[in-house]
Amino acid sequence: MDLHARSSAGVTRMAVPIGSRRAGVHGVVSLAGMTWTWRLENPAGETVDPASVGVTVPSADNQGDAESWLGENWRDLLARGVHAVSLFDGGTRVYGPMGLAPS
């Protein structure tokens, strides 16, 4: 039995048995991925609005894509006054703050 289905919005859902083991009793659980984003910070550790320093910080579908973006843009961010970044998966901080200045 295939328990996966894709909704019209492109979100993968899985039918999961709930309650009794009677046939046909299923719930639906969303398996949509979280969005990976960078939070920019000033020297005081306060959040910097990307628009205020003239940049757009894209969200990514995975950690590797988010880290690749930072690898390509950290020098520009530092030049614009961003001193540190934190990586978030949805609302969960994965790591950071991480300073951008070379050590």
C-alpha atoms as a PDB file:
ATOM      1  CA  MET A   1       0.000   0.000   0.000  1.00  0.00           C
ATOM      2  CA  ASP A   2       1.380   3.399  -1.029  1.00  0.00           C
ATOM      3  CA  LEU A   3       1.086   5.760   1.928  1.00  0.00           C
ATOM      4  CA  HIS A   4       2.448   8.844   0.132  1.00  0.00           C
ATOM      5  CA  ALA A   5       0.475  11.374  -1.854  1.00  0.00           C
ATOM      6  CA  ARG A   6       1.314  14.785  -3.251  1.00  0.00           C
ATOM      7  CA  SER A   7      -1.240  17.514  -2.729  1.00  0.00           C
ATOM      8  CA  SER A   8      -2.064  20.139  -5.326  1.00  0.00           C
ATOM      9  CA  ALA A   9       0.207  22.528  -3.397  1.00  0.00           C
ATOM     10  CA  GLY A  10       3.174  20.170  -3.882  1.00  0.00           C
ATOM     11  CA  VAL A  11       3.320  19.166  -0.227  1.00  0.00           C
ATOM     12  CA  THR A  12       4.061  15.511   0.429  1.00  0.00           C
ATOM     13  CA  ARG A  13       1.607  13.940   2.832  1.00  0.00           C
ATOM     14  CA  MET A  14       1.573  10.480   4.349  1.00  0.00           C
ATOM     15  CA  ALA A  15      -1.428   8.552   5.553  1.00  0.00           C
ATOM     16  CA  VAL A  16      -0.601   7.291   9.020  1.00  0.00           C
ATOM     17  CA  PRO A  17      -2.762   4.819  10.948  1.00  0.00           C
ATOM     18  CA  ILE A  18      -4.246   6.393  14.064  1.00  0.00           C
ATOM     19  CA  GLY A  19      -6.374   5.017  16.856  1.00  0.00           C
ATOM     20  CA  SER A  20      -7.445   1.437  16.219  1.00  0.00           C
ATOM     21  CA  ARG A  21      -5.968  -0.903  13.636  1.00  0.00           C
ATOM     22  CA  ARG A  22      -9.239  -1.057  11.697  1.00  0.00           C
ATOM     23  CA  ALA A  23      -8.754  -0.861   7.954  1.00  0.00           C
ATOM     24  CA  GLY A  24      -9.330   2.558   6.483  1.00  0.00           C
ATOM     25  CA  VAL A  25      -8.713   4.597   9.646  1.00  0.00           C
ATOM     26  CA  HIS A  26      -5.922   7.016   8.730  1.00  0.00           C
ATOM     27  CA  GLY A  27      -4.770  10.524   9.567  1.00  0.00           C
ATOM     28  CA  VAL A  28      -2.689  12.819   7.373  1.00  0.00           C
ATOM     29  CA  VAL A  29       0.701  14.154   8.448  1.00  0.00           C
ATOM     30  CA  SER A  30       2.475  16.875   6.468  1.00  0.00           C
ATOM     31  CA  LEU A  31       6.060  16.083   5.500  1.00  0.00           C
ATOM     32  CA  ALA A  32       6.763  19.505   3.986  1.00  0.00           C
ATOM     33  CA  GLY A  33      10.410  20.507   4.465  1.00  0.00           C
ATOM     34  CA  MET A  34      11.421  23.423   6.606  1.00  0.00           C
ATOM     35  CA  THR A  35      12.975  26.503   5.082  1.00  0.00           C
ATOM     36  CA  TRP A  36      16.648  27.186   5.750  1.00  0.00           C
ATOM     37  CA  THR A  37      17.443  30.873   6.326  1.00  0.00           C
ATOM     38  CA  TRP A  38      20.239  33.067   7.631  1.00  0.00           C
ATOM     39  CA  ARG A  39      19.696  35.677  10.323  1.00  0.00           C
ATOM     40  CA  LEU A  40      22.096  38.601   9.945  1.00  0.00           C
ATOM     41  CA  GLU A  41      23.502  40.270  13.062  1.00  0.00           C
ATOM     42  CA  ASN A  42      25.340  43.499  13.885  1.00  0.00           C
ATOM     43  CA  PRO A  43      28.306  43.776  16.293  1.00  0.00           C
ATOM     44  CA  ALA A  44      25.892  44.037  19.259  1.00  0.00           C
ATOM     45  CA  GLY A  45      24.243  40.735  18.271  1.00  0.00           C
ATOM     46  CA  GLU A  46      21.029  42.434  17.155  1.00  0.00           C
ATOM     47  CA  THR A  47      19.181  41.220  14.088  1.00  0.00           C
ATOM     48  CA  VAL A  48      19.892  43.189  10.929  1.00  0.00           C
ATOM     49  CA  ASP A  49      17.102  43.598   8.375  1.00  0.00           C
ATOM     50  CA  PRO A  50      18.670  42.491   5.058  1.00  0.00           C
ATOM     51  CA  ALA A  51      16.925  45.325   3.174  1.00  0.00           C
ATOM     52  CA  SER A  52      18.542  47.887   5.497  1.00  0.00           C
ATOM     53  CA  VAL A  53      21.987  46.851   4.232  1.00  0.00           C
ATOM     54  CA  GLY A  54      20.882  46.402   0.620  1.00  0.00           C
ATOM     55  CA  VAL A  55      20.877  42.622   0.352  1.00  0.00           C
ATOM     56  CA  THR A  56      18.325  39.894  -0.206  1.00  0.00           C
ATOM     57  CA  VAL A  57      18.846  36.721   1.800  1.00  0.00           C
ATOM     58  CA  PRO A  58      17.162  33.858  -0.032  1.00  0.00           C
ATOM     59  CA  SER A  59      15.621  30.924   1.775  1.00  0.00           C
ATOM     60  CA  ALA A  60      16.899  27.490   0.785  1.00  0.00           C
ATOM     61  CA  ASP A  61      15.395  24.021   0.633  1.00  0.00           C
ATOM     62  CA  ASN A  62      18.363  22.447   2.417  1.00  0.00           C
ATOM     63  CA  GLN A  63      21.343  23.257   4.611  1.00  0.00           C
ATOM     64  CA  GLY A  64      23.901  22.775   1.842  1.00  0.00           C
ATOM     65  CA  ASP A  65      22.257  25.337  -0.437  1.00  0.00           C
ATOM     66  CA  ALA A  66      22.010  27.838   2.425  1.00  0.00           C
ATOM     67  CA  GLU A  67      25.678  27.348   3.299  1.00  0.00           C
ATOM     68  CA  SER A  68      26.720  27.663  -0.358  1.00  0.00           C
ATOM     69  CA  TRP A  69      24.939  31.018  -0.577  1.00  0.00           C
ATOM     70  CA  LEU A  70      26.773  32.249   2.516  1.00  0.00           C
ATOM     71  CA  GLY A  71      30.095  31.003   1.115  1.00  0.00           C
ATOM     72  CA  GLU A  72      29.534  33.134  -1.976  1.00  0.00           C
ATOM     73  CA  ASN A  73      28.292  36.235  -0.131  1.00  0.00           C
ATOM     74  CA  TRP A  74      29.979  36.539   3.272  1.00  0.00           C
ATOM     75  CA  ARG A  75      32.542  39.133   2.129  1.00  0.00           C
ATOM     76  CA  ASP A  76      29.814  41.388   0.744  1.00  0.00           C
ATOM     77  CA  LEU A  77      27.782  40.986   3.939  1.00  0.00           C
ATOM     78  CA  LEU A  78      30.812  41.884   6.053  1.00  0.00           C
ATOM     79  CA  ALA A  79      31.509  44.951   3.886  1.00  0.00           C
ATOM     80  CA  ARG A  80      27.892  46.061   4.430  1.00  0.00           C
ATOM     81  CA  GLY A  81      28.216  45.927   8.228  1.00  0.00           C
ATOM     82  CA  VAL A  82      26.965  42.420   8.977  1.00  0.00           C
ATOM     83  CA  HIS A  83      29.297  40.922  11.588  1.00  0.00           C
ATOM     84  CA  ALA A  84      27.718  37.533  12.279  1.00  0.00           C
ATOM     85  CA  VAL A  85      25.072  35.128  10.977  1.00  0.00           C
ATOM     86  CA  SER A  86      22.961  32.339  12.432  1.00  0.00           C
ATOM     87  CA  LEU A  87      21.464  29.509  10.399  1.00  0.00           C
ATOM     88  CA  PHE A  88      17.839  28.522  11.038  1.00  0.00           C
ATOM     89  CA  ASP A  89      15.847  25.515   9.867  1.00  0.00           C
ATOM     90  CA  GLY A  90      12.325  26.898  10.141  1.00  0.00           C
ATOM     91  CA  GLY A  91      12.257  28.455  13.604  1.00  0.00           C
ATOM     92  CA  THR A  92      15.076  26.315  15.016  1.00  0.00           C
ATOM     93  CA  ARG A  93      18.598  27.714  15.251  1.00  0.00           C
ATOM     94  CA  VAL A  94      20.980  25.134  13.784  1.00  0.00           C
ATOM     95  CA  TYR A  95      24.133  27.089  14.617  1.00  0.00           C
ATOM     96  CA  GLY A  96      25.424  30.568  15.180  1.00  0.00           C
ATOM     97  CA  PRO A  97      26.052  33.248  15.709  1.00  0.00           C
ATOM     98  CA  MET A  98      29.082  32.744  13.517  1.00  0.00           C
ATOM     99  CA  GLY A  99      31.384  35.705  12.930  1.00  0.00           C
ATOM    100  CA  LEU A 100      32.134  36.714   9.345  1.00  0.00           C
ATOM    101  CA  ALA A 101      35.476  38.441   9.962  1.00  0.00           C
ATOM    102  CA  PRO A 102      38.529  36.332   9.103  1.00  0.00           C
ATOM    103  CA  SER A 103      40.322  35.100  12.213  1.00  0.00           C
END
